[in-house]
Amino acid sequence: MQIYGLNKTTLLDFPEHVAATVFTGGCNFCCPFCHNRDLVLGTKGLPALAEEEVLAFLKKRKGILTGLCITGGEPTLQADLAVFIRKVREMGYLVKLDTNGYRPKVLRALLEEGILDYVAMDIKNAKERYAVAAGKEELDVGRIAESVEILKKSRIPYEFRTTVVRELHRKEDFAAIGEWLAGARAYFLQAYQDNENVIAGGFGAYDKAEMEAFAQVVRQHVARVELRGV
């Protein structure tokens, strides 16, 4: 596993659990509003964490932490992701995976093996505007749609989520997203927050009232729709 970061304690990343978070390197998207620029654009020069170091930390924290979040970058690009997850679960931890959903075969295999306890999948935008939000000129939205259906049919807790950016998202986009995700377990709208690590600057956020209006549109199709970061 190419691990380039460890958040030793989080109360936010894994619902209902005190967890740690590891950050993997590399991504198959280049979302201009992404906060993890170094993980996406190139990890050369970044200090890597040995897998053994992470596992040793988790061993020490047993009884305090109950879960591990694996995020990125895009974790499904890691060839030994399943091997790492098995090691973590053998220690008694629950595992949450963050993914952009562009590798549905990997997602399906992990779920079929039963080694995931929670999945959070990003929905970058409505299907027809996906490529712009993902920063990828040629994009097969069918792969995203396949991952959506895999999660909707899964037996574990999951969520879909969108980072809402004023320059990239419109009310009609959320109407389309709502129809697309109809019947999903949960959907979160996350307010964009600018910082110095974003891939491209010049983006802004909607205010709480505007975000709530978008949420109301999606609630016509998804029972649980909530806001984050507002």
C-alpha atoms as a PDB file:
ATOM      1  CA  MET A   1       0.000   0.000   0.000  1.00  0.00           C
ATOM      2  CA  GLN A   2       1.217   3.473  -0.897  1.00  0.00           C
ATOM      3  CA  ILE A   3       0.284   5.380   2.258  1.00  0.00           C
ATOM      4  CA  TYR A   4       1.167   9.063   2.496  1.00  0.00           C
ATOM      5  CA  GLY A   5      -0.772  10.217   5.490  1.00  0.00           C
ATOM      6  CA  LEU A   6      -2.304   9.096   8.788  1.00  0.00           C
ATOM      7  CA  ASN A   7      -4.897  10.947  10.806  1.00  0.00           C
ATOM      8  CA  LYS A   8      -4.598   9.195  14.142  1.00  0.00           C
ATOM      9  CA  THR A   9      -8.059  10.026  15.465  1.00  0.00           C
ATOM     10  CA  THR A  10     -11.269  11.177  13.813  1.00  0.00           C
ATOM     11  CA  LEU A  11     -14.813  11.404  15.139  1.00  0.00           C
ATOM     12  CA  LEU A  12     -16.187  12.541  11.769  1.00  0.00           C
ATOM     13  CA  ASP A  13     -14.923  10.250   9.009  1.00  0.00           C
ATOM     14  CA  PHE A  14     -16.541   6.973  10.105  1.00  0.00           C
ATOM     15  CA  PRO A  15     -20.151   7.426  11.294  1.00  0.00           C
ATOM     16  CA  GLU A  16     -20.711   6.232  14.867  1.00  0.00           C
ATOM     17  CA  HIS A  17     -17.076   5.174  15.323  1.00  0.00           C
ATOM     18  CA  VAL A  18     -13.841   6.580  16.692  1.00  0.00           C
ATOM     19  CA  ALA A  19     -11.433   5.883  13.856  1.00  0.00           C
ATOM     20  CA  ALA A  20      -8.118   6.591  12.219  1.00  0.00           C
ATOM     21  CA  THR A  21      -7.738   7.543   8.562  1.00  0.00           C
ATOM     22  CA  VAL A  22      -5.020   6.589   6.089  1.00  0.00           C
ATOM     23  CA  PHE A  23      -4.424   8.474   2.839  1.00  0.00           C
ATOM     24  CA  THR A  24      -3.296   6.574  -0.257  1.00  0.00           C
ATOM     25  CA  GLY A  25      -1.411   8.131  -3.165  1.00  0.00           C
ATOM     26  CA  GLY A  26      -2.553   8.531  -6.758  1.00  0.00           C
ATOM     27  CA  CYS A  27      -5.937   9.225  -8.327  1.00  0.00           C
ATOM     28  CA  ASN A  28      -7.661   8.538 -11.641  1.00  0.00           C
ATOM     29  CA  PHE A  29      -9.535  11.860 -11.402  1.00  0.00           C
ATOM     30  CA  CYS A  30      -8.243  15.407 -11.139  1.00  0.00           C
ATOM     31  CA  CYS A  31     -11.142  17.316  -9.606  1.00  0.00           C
ATOM     32  CA  PRO A  32     -10.143  20.996  -9.676  1.00  0.00           C
ATOM     33  CA  PHE A  33     -11.665  21.597  -6.223  1.00  0.00           C
ATOM     34  CA  CYS A  34      -9.842  18.659  -4.568  1.00  0.00           C
ATOM     35  CA  HIS A  35      -8.011  19.492  -1.325  1.00  0.00           C
ATOM     36  CA  ASN A  36      -5.437  16.706  -1.672  1.00  0.00           C
ATOM     37  CA  ARG A  37      -3.402  18.191  -4.507  1.00  0.00           C
ATOM     38  CA  ASP A  38      -0.141  16.424  -3.652  1.00  0.00           C
ATOM     39  CA  LEU A  39      -1.799  13.005  -3.487  1.00  0.00           C
ATOM     40  CA  VAL A  40      -3.437  13.522  -6.884  1.00  0.00           C
ATOM     41  CA  LEU A  41      -0.815  15.354  -8.947  1.00  0.00           C
ATOM     42  CA  GLY A  42       2.182  13.354  -7.805  1.00  0.00           C
ATOM     43  CA  THR A  43       3.501  11.869  -4.617  1.00  0.00           C
ATOM     44  CA  LYS A  44       7.180  12.287  -5.525  1.00  0.00           C
ATOM     45  CA  GLY A  45       8.915  13.861  -2.586  1.00  0.00           C
ATOM     46  CA  LEU A  46       6.133  13.107  -0.133  1.00  0.00           C
ATOM     47  CA  PRO A  47       7.198  11.029   2.869  1.00  0.00           C
ATOM     48  CA  ALA A  48       5.587   7.600   2.696  1.00  0.00           C
ATOM     49  CA  LEU A  49       4.434   5.611   5.682  1.00  0.00           C
ATOM     50  CA  ALA A  50       5.367   1.948   5.795  1.00  0.00           C
ATOM     51  CA  GLU A  51       2.367  -0.354   6.002  1.00  0.00           C
ATOM     52  CA  GLU A  52       3.989  -2.046   8.999  1.00  0.00           C
ATOM     53  CA  GLU A  53       4.152   1.311  10.794  1.00  0.00           C
ATOM     54  CA  VAL A  54       0.424   1.865  10.285  1.00  0.00           C
ATOM     55  CA  LEU A  55      -0.443  -1.639  11.444  1.00  0.00           C
ATOM     56  CA  ALA A  56       1.753  -1.227  14.522  1.00  0.00           C
ATOM     57  CA  PHE A  57      -0.059   2.009  15.354  1.00  0.00           C
ATOM     58  CA  LEU A  58      -3.444   0.287  15.006  1.00  0.00           C
ATOM     59  CA  LYS A  59      -2.286  -2.526  17.258  1.00  0.00           C
ATOM     60  CA  LYS A  60      -1.401  -0.019  19.980  1.00  0.00           C
ATOM     61  CA  ARG A  61      -4.744   1.757  19.637  1.00  0.00           C
ATOM     62  CA  LYS A  62      -6.970  -1.305  19.932  1.00  0.00           C
ATOM     63  CA  GLY A  63      -9.710  -0.654  22.447  1.00  0.00           C
ATOM     64  CA  ILE A  64      -9.581   3.086  21.763  1.00  0.00           C
ATOM     65  CA  LEU A  65     -10.214   3.089  18.019  1.00  0.00           C
ATOM     66  CA  THR A  66     -12.857   0.879  16.445  1.00  0.00           C
ATOM     67  CA  GLY A  67     -12.468   1.675  12.765  1.00  0.00           C
ATOM     68  CA  LEU A  68     -10.101   2.633   9.971  1.00  0.00           C
ATOM     69  CA  CYS A  69     -11.017   4.889   7.063  1.00  0.00           C
ATOM     70  CA  ILE A  70      -9.117   4.380   3.816  1.00  0.00           C
ATOM     71  CA  THR A  71      -9.181   7.434   1.575  1.00  0.00           C
ATOM     72  CA  GLY A  72      -6.939   9.147  -0.952  1.00  0.00           C
ATOM     73  CA  GLY A  73      -6.273   9.869  -3.642  1.00  0.00           C
ATOM     74  CA  GLU A  74      -8.247   6.882  -4.867  1.00  0.00           C
ATOM     75  CA  PRO A  75      -7.705   3.752  -2.765  1.00  0.00           C
ATOM     76  CA  THR A  76      -9.046   1.303  -5.363  1.00  0.00           C
ATOM     77  CA  LEU A  77      -5.939   1.991  -7.469  1.00  0.00           C
ATOM     78  CA  GLN A  78      -3.854   0.169  -4.877  1.00  0.00           C
ATOM     79  CA  ALA A  79      -3.118  -3.357  -6.084  1.00  0.00           C
ATOM     80  CA  ASP A  80      -2.832  -4.714  -2.542  1.00  0.00           C
ATOM     81  CA  LEU A  81      -5.845  -2.905  -1.098  1.00  0.00           C
ATOM     82  CA  ALA A  82      -7.717  -6.114  -0.261  1.00  0.00           C
ATOM     83  CA  VAL A  83      -4.636  -7.611   1.401  1.00  0.00           C
ATOM     84  CA  PHE A  84      -4.238  -4.531   3.591  1.00  0.00           C
ATOM     85  CA  ILE A  85      -7.920  -4.494   4.529  1.00  0.00           C
ATOM     86  CA  ARG A  86      -7.777  -8.143   5.568  1.00  0.00           C
ATOM     87  CA  LYS A  87      -4.841  -7.390   7.876  1.00  0.00           C
ATOM     88  CA  VAL A  88      -6.741  -4.506   9.468  1.00  0.00           C
ATOM     89  CA  ARG A  89      -9.900  -6.549   9.956  1.00  0.00           C
ATOM     90  CA  GLU A  90      -7.923  -9.428  11.466  1.00  0.00           C
ATOM     91  CA  MET A  91      -6.975  -6.967  14.207  1.00  0.00           C
ATOM     92  CA  GLY A  92     -10.647  -6.467  14.976  1.00  0.00           C
ATOM     93  CA  TYR A  93     -11.168  -3.144  13.215  1.00  0.00           C
ATOM     94  CA  LEU A  94     -14.074  -2.119  11.022  1.00  0.00           C
ATOM     95  CA  VAL A  95     -13.105  -0.637   7.646  1.00  0.00           C
ATOM     96  CA  LYS A  96     -14.621   2.274   5.767  1.00  0.00           C
ATOM     97  CA  LEU A  97     -13.654   2.919   2.140  1.00  0.00           C
ATOM     98  CA  ASP A  98     -13.844   6.299   0.403  1.00  0.00           C
ATOM     99  CA  THR A  99     -13.989   5.980  -3.382  1.00  0.00           C
ATOM    100  CA  ASN A 100     -14.865   7.869  -6.543  1.00  0.00           C
ATOM    101  CA  GLY A 101     -16.480   4.717  -7.911  1.00  0.00           C
ATOM    102  CA  TYR A 102     -14.481   4.586 -11.123  1.00  0.00           C
ATOM    103  CA  ARG A 103     -13.326   1.013 -10.534  1.00  0.00           C
ATOM    104  CA  PRO A 104     -16.591  -0.873  -9.986  1.00  0.00           C
ATOM    105  CA  LYS A 105     -14.971  -4.302 -10.376  1.00  0.00           C
ATOM    106  CA  VAL A 106     -12.704  -3.598  -7.409  1.00  0.00           C
ATOM    107  CA  LEU A 107     -15.605  -2.291  -5.346  1.00  0.00           C
ATOM    108  CA  ARG A 108     -17.732  -5.319  -6.178  1.00  0.00           C
ATOM    109  CA  ALA A 109     -14.937  -7.743  -5.273  1.00  0.00           C
ATOM    110  CA  LEU A 110     -14.358  -6.106  -1.881  1.00  0.00           C
ATOM    111  CA  LEU A 111     -18.062  -6.192  -1.088  1.00  0.00           C
ATOM    112  CA  GLU A 112     -18.480  -9.776  -2.232  1.00  0.00           C
ATOM    113  CA  GLU A 113     -15.576 -10.801  -0.020  1.00  0.00           C
ATOM    114  CA  GLY A 114     -17.318  -9.087   2.889  1.00  0.00           C
ATOM    115  CA  ILE A 115     -14.326  -7.071   4.052  1.00  0.00           C
ATOM    116  CA  LEU A 116     -15.905  -3.610   3.999  1.00  0.00           C
ATOM    117  CA  ASP A 117     -18.155  -2.225   6.721  1.00  0.00           C
ATOM    118  CA  TYR A 118     -19.010   1.177   5.223  1.00  0.00           C
ATOM    119  CA  VAL A 119     -18.504   2.853   1.845  1.00  0.00           C
ATOM    120  CA  ALA A 120     -18.652   6.554   1.016  1.00  0.00           C
ATOM    121  CA  MET A 121     -18.790   7.229  -2.714  1.00  0.00           C
ATOM    122  CA  ASP A 122     -18.389  10.646  -4.291  1.00  0.00           C
ATOM    123  CA  ILE A 123     -20.923  11.819  -6.842  1.00  0.00           C
ATOM    124  CA  LYS A 124     -19.107  14.607  -8.643  1.00  0.00           C
ATOM    125  CA  ASN A 125     -22.074  15.992 -10.577  1.00  0.00           C
ATOM    126  CA  ALA A 126     -24.997  15.102 -12.813  1.00  0.00           C
ATOM    127  CA  LYS A 127     -24.035  12.551 -15.452  1.00  0.00           C
ATOM    128  CA  GLU A 128     -23.880  15.019 -18.336  1.00  0.00           C
ATOM    129  CA  ARG A 129     -21.577  17.368 -16.383  1.00  0.00           C
ATOM    130  CA  TYR A 130     -19.466  14.727 -14.670  1.00  0.00           C
ATOM    131  CA  ALA A 131     -16.285  15.105 -16.702  1.00  0.00           C
ATOM    132  CA  VAL A 132     -15.870  18.802 -15.888  1.00  0.00           C
ATOM    133  CA  ALA A 133     -16.238  18.233 -12.150  1.00  0.00           C
ATOM    134  CA  ALA A 134     -13.910  15.214 -12.246  1.00  0.00           C
ATOM    135  CA  GLY A 135     -11.267  17.095 -14.250  1.00  0.00           C
ATOM    136  CA  LYS A 136     -11.152  14.271 -16.781  1.00  0.00           C
ATOM    137  CA  GLU A 137     -11.771  14.977 -20.471  1.00  0.00           C
ATOM    138  CA  GLU A 138     -12.644  11.392 -21.370  1.00  0.00           C
ATOM    139  CA  LEU A 139     -14.758   9.740 -18.725  1.00  0.00           C
ATOM    140  CA  ASP A 140     -16.991   6.662 -18.820  1.00  0.00           C
ATOM    141  CA  VAL A 141     -19.927   7.653 -16.627  1.00  0.00           C
ATOM    142  CA  GLY A 142     -21.209   4.107 -17.032  1.00  0.00           C
ATOM    143  CA  ARG A 143     -18.526   2.965 -14.602  1.00  0.00           C
ATOM    144  CA  ILE A 144     -19.784   5.441 -12.027  1.00  0.00           C
ATOM    145  CA  ALA A 145     -23.357   4.315 -12.603  1.00  0.00           C
ATOM    146  CA  GLU A 146     -22.306   0.688 -12.136  1.00  0.00           C
ATOM    147  CA  SER A 147     -20.758   1.497  -8.754  1.00  0.00           C
ATOM    148  CA  VAL A 148     -23.916   3.366  -7.740  1.00  0.00           C
ATOM    149  CA  GLU A 149     -26.014   0.287  -8.452  1.00  0.00           C
ATOM    150  CA  ILE A 150     -23.545  -1.998  -6.684  1.00  0.00           C
ATOM    151  CA  LEU A 151     -23.841   0.076  -3.514  1.00  0.00           C
ATOM    152  CA  LYS A 152     -27.614   0.438  -3.732  1.00  0.00           C
ATOM    153  CA  LYS A 153     -27.872  -3.350  -3.789  1.00  0.00           C
ATOM    154  CA  SER A 154     -25.282  -3.930  -1.061  1.00  0.00           C
ATOM    155  CA  ARG A 155     -26.097  -4.998   2.481  1.00  0.00           C
ATOM    156  CA  ILE A 156     -23.660  -2.717   4.283  1.00  0.00           C
ATOM    157  CA  PRO A 157     -24.142   0.938   5.266  1.00  0.00           C
ATOM    158  CA  TYR A 158     -23.094   3.360   2.538  1.00  0.00           C
ATOM    159  CA  GLU A 159     -23.487   6.959   1.510  1.00  0.00           C
ATOM    160  CA  PHE A 160     -23.229   9.061  -1.599  1.00  0.00           C
ATOM    161  CA  ARG A 161     -21.888  12.581  -1.284  1.00  0.00           C
ATOM    162  CA  THR A 162     -21.218  15.661  -3.411  1.00  0.00           C
ATOM    163  CA  THR A 163     -18.864  18.533  -2.682  1.00  0.00           C
ATOM    164  CA  VAL A 164     -20.936  21.488  -3.852  1.00  0.00           C
ATOM    165  CA  VAL A 165     -19.031  24.191  -5.730  1.00  0.00           C
ATOM    166  CA  ARG A 166     -20.739  27.388  -6.881  1.00  0.00           C
ATOM    167  CA  GLU A 167     -18.961  27.463 -10.236  1.00  0.00           C
ATOM    168  CA  LEU A 168     -19.648  23.797 -11.029  1.00  0.00           C
ATOM    169  CA  HIS A 169     -23.101  22.939  -9.663  1.00  0.00           C
ATOM    170  CA  ARG A 170     -26.597  24.223 -10.427  1.00  0.00           C
ATOM    171  CA  LYS A 171     -30.031  23.439  -9.009  1.00  0.00           C
ATOM    172  CA  GLU A 172     -30.923  21.396 -12.082  1.00  0.00           C
ATOM    173  CA  ASP A 173     -27.837  19.242 -11.492  1.00  0.00           C
ATOM    174  CA  PHE A 174     -29.261  18.167  -8.144  1.00  0.00           C
ATOM    175  CA  ALA A 175     -32.601  17.372  -9.717  1.00  0.00           C
ATOM    176  CA  ALA A 176     -30.751  15.020 -12.073  1.00  0.00           C
ATOM    177  CA  ILE A 177     -28.637  13.570  -9.249  1.00  0.00           C
ATOM    178  CA  GLY A 178     -31.775  12.930  -7.203  1.00  0.00           C
ATOM    179  CA  GLU A 179     -33.380  10.969 -10.022  1.00  0.00           C
ATOM    180  CA  TRP A 180     -30.149   9.043 -10.557  1.00  0.00           C
ATOM    181  CA  LEU A 181     -29.755   8.080  -6.891  1.00  0.00           C
ATOM    182  CA  ALA A 182     -33.456   7.372  -6.302  1.00  0.00           C
ATOM    183  CA  GLY A 183     -33.912   4.889  -3.463  1.00  0.00           C
ATOM    184  CA  ALA A 184     -30.376   5.315  -2.112  1.00  0.00           C
ATOM    185  CA  ARG A 185     -29.735   4.925   1.604  1.00  0.00           C
ATOM    186  CA  ALA A 186     -28.170   8.361   2.234  1.00  0.00           C
ATOM    187  CA  TYR A 187     -26.852  11.385   0.347  1.00  0.00           C
ATOM    188  CA  PHE A 188     -24.819  14.276   1.729  1.00  0.00           C
ATOM    189  CA  LEU A 189     -24.171  17.699   0.232  1.00  0.00           C
ATOM    190  CA  GLN A 190     -20.814  18.990   1.440  1.00  0.00           C
ATOM    191  CA  ALA A 191     -20.025  22.686   1.272  1.00  0.00           C
ATOM    192  CA  TYR A 192     -16.856  23.498  -0.647  1.00  0.00           C
ATOM    193  CA  GLN A 193     -14.163  25.065   1.505  1.00  0.00           C
ATOM    194  CA  ASP A 194     -11.185  26.750  -0.101  1.00  0.00           C
ATOM    195  CA  ASN A 195      -7.651  26.168   1.152  1.00  0.00           C
ATOM    196  CA  GLU A 196      -4.055  26.372  -0.031  1.00  0.00           C
ATOM    197  CA  ASN A 197      -3.937  22.693  -1.069  1.00  0.00           C
ATOM    198  CA  VAL A 198      -6.745  22.825  -3.619  1.00  0.00           C
ATOM    199  CA  ILE A 199      -5.777  21.782  -7.160  1.00  0.00           C
ATOM    200  CA  ALA A 200      -7.226  24.894  -8.807  1.00  0.00           C
ATOM    201  CA  GLY A 201      -8.209  28.168  -7.192  1.00  0.00           C
ATOM    202  CA  GLY A 202     -11.044  30.553  -7.829  1.00  0.00           C
ATOM    203  CA  PHE A 203     -13.943  28.466  -6.518  1.00  0.00           C
ATOM    204  CA  GLY A 204     -16.618  29.506  -4.066  1.00  0.00           C
ATOM    205  CA  ALA A 205     -19.331  27.954  -1.915  1.00  0.00           C
ATOM    206  CA  TYR A 206     -23.082  28.312  -1.692  1.00  0.00           C
ATOM    207  CA  ASP A 207     -24.615  29.533   1.564  1.00  0.00           C
ATOM    208  CA  LYS A 208     -26.685  27.321   3.855  1.00  0.00           C
ATOM    209  CA  ALA A 209     -30.045  28.421   2.465  1.00  0.00           C
ATOM    210  CA  GLU A 210     -28.947  27.668  -1.090  1.00  0.00           C
ATOM    211  CA  MET A 211     -27.559  24.292  -0.052  1.00  0.00           C
ATOM    212  CA  GLU A 212     -30.811  23.450   1.718  1.00  0.00           C
ATOM    213  CA  ALA A 213     -32.720  24.260  -1.467  1.00  0.00           C
ATOM    214  CA  PHE A 214     -30.566  21.758  -3.364  1.00  0.00           C
ATOM    215  CA  ALA A 215     -31.151  19.180  -0.630  1.00  0.00           C
ATOM    216  CA  GLN A 216     -34.898  19.634  -0.909  1.00  0.00           C
ATOM    217  CA  VAL A 217     -34.727  18.831  -4.607  1.00  0.00           C
ATOM    218  CA  VAL A 218     -32.899  15.568  -3.924  1.00  0.00           C
ATOM    219  CA  ARG A 219     -35.290  14.633  -1.086  1.00  0.00           C
ATOM    220  CA  GLN A 220     -37.974  13.994  -3.679  1.00  0.00           C
ATOM    221  CA  HIS A 221     -36.051  10.814  -4.520  1.00  0.00           C
ATOM    222  CA  VAL A 222     -33.780   9.999  -1.548  1.00  0.00           C
ATOM    223  CA  ALA A 223     -35.182   9.712   1.973  1.00  0.00           C
ATOM    224  CA  ARG A 224     -32.115  10.822   3.881  1.00  0.00           C
ATOM    225  CA  VAL A 225     -30.432  13.940   2.512  1.00  0.00           C
ATOM    226  CA  GLU A 226     -28.297  16.086   4.818  1.00  0.00           C
ATOM    227  CA  LEU A 227     -25.839  18.980   4.674  1.00  0.00           C
ATOM    228  CA  ARG A 228     -22.243  18.949   5.874  1.00  0.00           C
ATOM    229  CA  GLY A 229     -19.863  21.817   6.505  1.00  0.00           C
ATOM    230  CA  VAL A 230     -22.411  24.637   6.544  1.00  0.00           C
END
